[in-house]
Amino acid sequence: MQTHDLFAKTQPLPAVHVQPGDNADIPLLLEDYAGCDGELRAVLQYAYQASLLNQEQPSLAKQLLQISIQEMQHMHAWADVLAQLHVEPRYWASSNNTHQGYFTTSVISYTVDLPRMMMANIIGEQKAIAAYQQHMRRMRNPSVRALLESIIAQEKQHLAFFEHTLQTLSTKKGRP
């Protein structure tokens, strides 16, 4: 499978400066950081897949690792916002503001089937984009919204890559 360096030209993420009232956004920030569909899950899932594919599909493994690193940069940006809000960036999140739980690796897709990997990644990116779009409507801080816009743009790149990879796999499978 031929791939190219889709993510080498990525712009740096914008800085965020917290404002009074941003504390209300902490549950959303924690979800984005280390929730079941947050950045931590993506980092670990893509790194896991890169490890599995490194021998058989080194080019794809490299792309997955690059995406994992971008997801780690997203995590770092969220950790910085949380630190500005004096929130310890532990790997936990709250659900509906009622339950706080630590991140668990049980949310990672451990499939070893390549098309299923790509499908799991597509679903994860779609969920992340939808959540970020919803959070963008709820957050008042313009610098947080600018960060969300940048991250959404990168997540859309990831989604397009996974969709293209799945399509390529399907095309190859259909060949004699």
Protein backbone atom coordinates (compact mmCIF):
# COMPACT_ATOMS: atom_id res chain seq x y z
CA MET A 1 0.00 0.00 0.00
CA GLN A 2 1.49 3.29 -1.08
CA THR A 3 1.15 6.18 1.32
CA HIS A 4 2.62 9.61 1.48
CA ASP A 5 3.43 11.99 4.29
CA LEU A 6 -0.01 13.57 4.68
CA PHE A 7 0.73 15.09 8.04
CA ALA A 8 4.13 16.71 7.58
CA LYS A 9 2.70 20.16 6.77
CA THR A 10 0.46 20.43 9.82
CA GLN A 11 0.23 23.88 11.33
CA PRO A 12 0.99 24.26 15.05
CA LEU A 13 -2.04 24.35 17.31
CA PRO A 14 -3.07 27.80 18.55
CA ALA A 15 -2.35 28.76 22.14
CA VAL A 16 -5.24 29.00 24.57
CA HIS A 17 -5.61 31.63 27.25
CA VAL A 18 -8.23 30.85 29.85
CA GLN A 19 -10.77 33.43 30.91
CA PRO A 20 -13.09 33.85 33.87
CA GLY A 21 -15.96 31.44 33.48
CA ASP A 22 -13.97 28.79 31.60
CA ASN A 23 -14.21 26.49 34.64
CA ALA A 24 -17.68 25.52 33.44
CA ASP A 25 -16.01 23.83 30.46
CA ILE A 26 -13.80 21.53 32.57
CA PRO A 27 -16.00 18.40 32.11
CA LEU A 28 -15.88 18.87 28.32
CA LEU A 29 -12.13 19.42 28.38
CA LEU A 30 -11.62 16.25 30.44
CA GLU A 31 -13.73 14.27 27.96
CA ASP A 32 -11.66 15.61 25.05
CA TYR A 33 -8.44 14.84 26.92
CA ALA A 34 -9.02 11.35 28.32
CA GLY A 35 -12.65 10.36 27.84
CA CYS A 36 -13.70 7.08 26.21
CA ASP A 37 -13.57 8.73 22.77
CA GLY A 38 -10.92 11.31 23.63
CA GLU A 39 -7.38 11.91 22.55
CA LEU A 40 -5.78 9.38 24.90
CA ARG A 41 -7.76 6.54 23.33
CA ALA A 42 -6.69 7.65 19.86
CA VAL A 43 -3.01 7.92 20.85
CA LEU A 44 -2.95 4.42 22.31
CA GLN A 45 -5.08 2.77 19.62
CA TYR A 46 -3.04 4.11 16.72
CA ALA A 47 0.28 3.33 18.44
CA TYR A 48 -0.96 -0.23 19.07
CA GLN A 49 -1.95 -0.63 15.43
CA ALA A 50 1.40 0.78 14.25
CA SER A 51 3.18 -1.82 16.37
CA LEU A 52 1.08 -4.63 14.92
CA LEU A 53 1.64 -3.52 11.33
CA ASN A 54 5.28 -2.51 11.53
CA GLN A 55 6.66 -5.71 9.96
CA GLU A 56 4.01 -6.40 7.31
CA GLN A 57 2.95 -2.84 6.40
CA PRO A 58 5.79 -0.49 7.47
CA SER A 59 4.53 2.47 5.43
CA LEU A 60 1.05 2.26 6.94
CA ALA A 61 2.56 1.72 10.39
CA LYS A 62 4.57 4.92 9.96
CA GLN A 63 1.42 6.87 9.02
CA LEU A 64 -0.45 5.48 12.03
CA LEU A 65 2.42 6.48 14.28
CA GLN A 66 2.40 10.00 12.81
CA ILE A 67 -1.33 10.26 13.48
CA SER A 68 -0.80 8.98 17.02
CA ILE A 69 1.79 11.72 17.56
CA GLN A 70 -0.67 14.35 16.31
CA GLU A 71 -3.26 12.99 18.72
CA MET A 72 -0.66 13.27 21.48
CA GLN A 73 -0.16 16.92 20.52
CA HIS A 74 -3.92 17.42 20.89
CA MET A 75 -3.72 15.81 24.33
CA HIS A 76 -0.88 18.11 25.28
CA ALA A 77 -2.91 21.15 24.21
CA TRP A 78 -5.86 20.01 26.35
CA ALA A 79 -3.53 19.30 29.29
CA ASP A 80 -2.19 22.84 28.99
CA VAL A 81 -5.72 24.29 29.10
CA LEU A 82 -6.57 22.13 32.12
CA ALA A 83 -3.38 23.22 33.89
CA GLN A 84 -4.27 26.88 33.27
CA LEU A 85 -7.60 26.12 34.95
CA HIS A 86 -5.72 24.55 37.89
CA VAL A 87 -7.05 21.09 37.08
CA GLU A 88 -4.66 18.19 37.38
CA PRO A 89 -4.56 16.53 33.94
CA ARG A 90 -5.13 13.00 35.16
CA TYR A 91 -6.40 10.40 32.75
CA TRP A 92 -10.01 10.58 33.81
CA ALA A 93 -13.23 12.11 32.68
CA SER A 94 -16.72 12.63 33.91
CA SER A 95 -19.84 11.42 32.20
CA ASN A 96 -22.90 13.68 32.43
CA ASN A 97 -21.15 15.46 35.32
CA THR A 98 -22.22 12.64 37.64
CA HIS A 99 -19.55 9.97 37.41
CA GLN A 100 -15.82 10.46 37.33
CA GLY A 101 -13.73 7.51 36.25
CA TYR A 102 -10.17 6.84 35.26
CA PHE A 103 -9.35 6.03 31.67
CA THR A 104 -9.37 2.33 30.88
CA THR A 105 -7.66 0.66 27.97
CA SER A 106 -10.76 -1.47 27.47
CA VAL A 107 -12.04 1.32 25.17
CA ILE A 108 -9.25 0.64 22.66
CA SER A 109 -10.06 -1.50 19.62
CA TYR A 110 -7.67 -4.45 19.74
CA THR A 111 -8.71 -5.97 16.43
CA VAL A 112 -5.87 -7.40 14.35
CA ASP A 113 -7.87 -7.42 11.10
CA LEU A 114 -6.70 -4.47 8.99
CA PRO A 115 -10.08 -3.47 7.49
CA ARG A 116 -11.66 -3.63 10.96
CA MET A 117 -8.83 -1.48 12.32
CA MET A 118 -9.58 1.17 9.72
CA MET A 119 -13.32 0.93 10.42
CA ALA A 120 -12.71 1.38 14.17
CA ASN A 121 -10.50 4.37 13.40
CA ILE A 122 -13.12 5.89 11.11
CA ILE A 123 -15.79 5.53 13.80
CA GLY A 124 -13.44 7.02 16.42
CA GLU A 125 -12.59 10.02 14.26
CA GLN A 126 -16.26 10.60 13.40
CA LYS A 127 -17.14 10.57 17.11
CA ALA A 128 -14.28 12.94 17.91
CA ILE A 129 -15.28 15.39 15.18
CA ALA A 130 -18.93 15.34 16.28
CA ALA A 131 -17.98 15.86 19.94
CA TYR A 132 -15.61 18.70 19.09
CA GLN A 133 -18.23 20.40 16.94
CA GLN A 134 -20.71 20.16 19.80
CA HIS A 135 -18.13 21.46 22.28
CA MET A 136 -17.31 24.36 19.98
CA ARG A 137 -20.94 25.49 20.18
CA ARG A 138 -20.88 25.32 23.97
CA MET A 139 -17.54 26.96 24.77
CA ARG A 140 -17.45 30.75 24.94
CA ASN A 141 -13.69 31.29 25.00
CA PRO A 142 -12.57 32.29 21.47
CA SER A 143 -9.07 30.83 21.93
CA VAL A 144 -10.56 27.45 22.97
CA ARG A 145 -12.84 27.57 19.92
CA ALA A 146 -9.80 28.34 17.71
CA LEU A 147 -8.03 25.32 19.19
CA LEU A 148 -11.11 23.19 18.52
CA GLU A 149 -11.23 24.39 14.90
CA SER A 150 -7.59 23.42 14.38
CA ILE A 151 -8.05 20.02 15.98
CA ILE A 152 -11.22 19.36 13.97
CA ALA A 153 -9.30 20.13 10.76
CA GLN A 154 -6.63 17.60 11.73
CA GLU A 155 -9.21 14.99 12.76
CA LYS A 156 -10.84 15.41 9.34
CA GLN A 157 -7.45 14.69 7.73
CA HIS A 158 -7.16 11.54 9.84
CA LEU A 159 -10.68 10.50 8.87
CA ALA A 160 -9.96 11.01 5.17
CA PHE A 161 -6.77 8.96 5.47
CA PHE A 162 -8.55 6.06 7.19
CA GLU A 163 -11.41 6.15 4.67
CA HIS A 164 -8.94 6.17 1.77
CA THR A 165 -6.98 3.30 3.33
CA LEU A 166 -10.15 1.24 3.84
CA GLN A 167 -11.25 1.95 0.27
CA THR A 168 -7.82 0.89 -1.03
CA LEU A 169 -8.02 -2.33 0.98
CA SER A 170 -11.50 -3.05 -0.40
CA THR A 171 -10.32 -2.42 -3.98
CA LYS A 172 -7.32 -4.75 -3.54
CA LYS A 173 -9.49 -7.45 -2.01
CA GLY A 174 -11.84 -7.31 -5.02
CA ARG A 175 -8.97 -7.91 -7.47
CA PRO A 176 -8.25 -11.47 -8.68
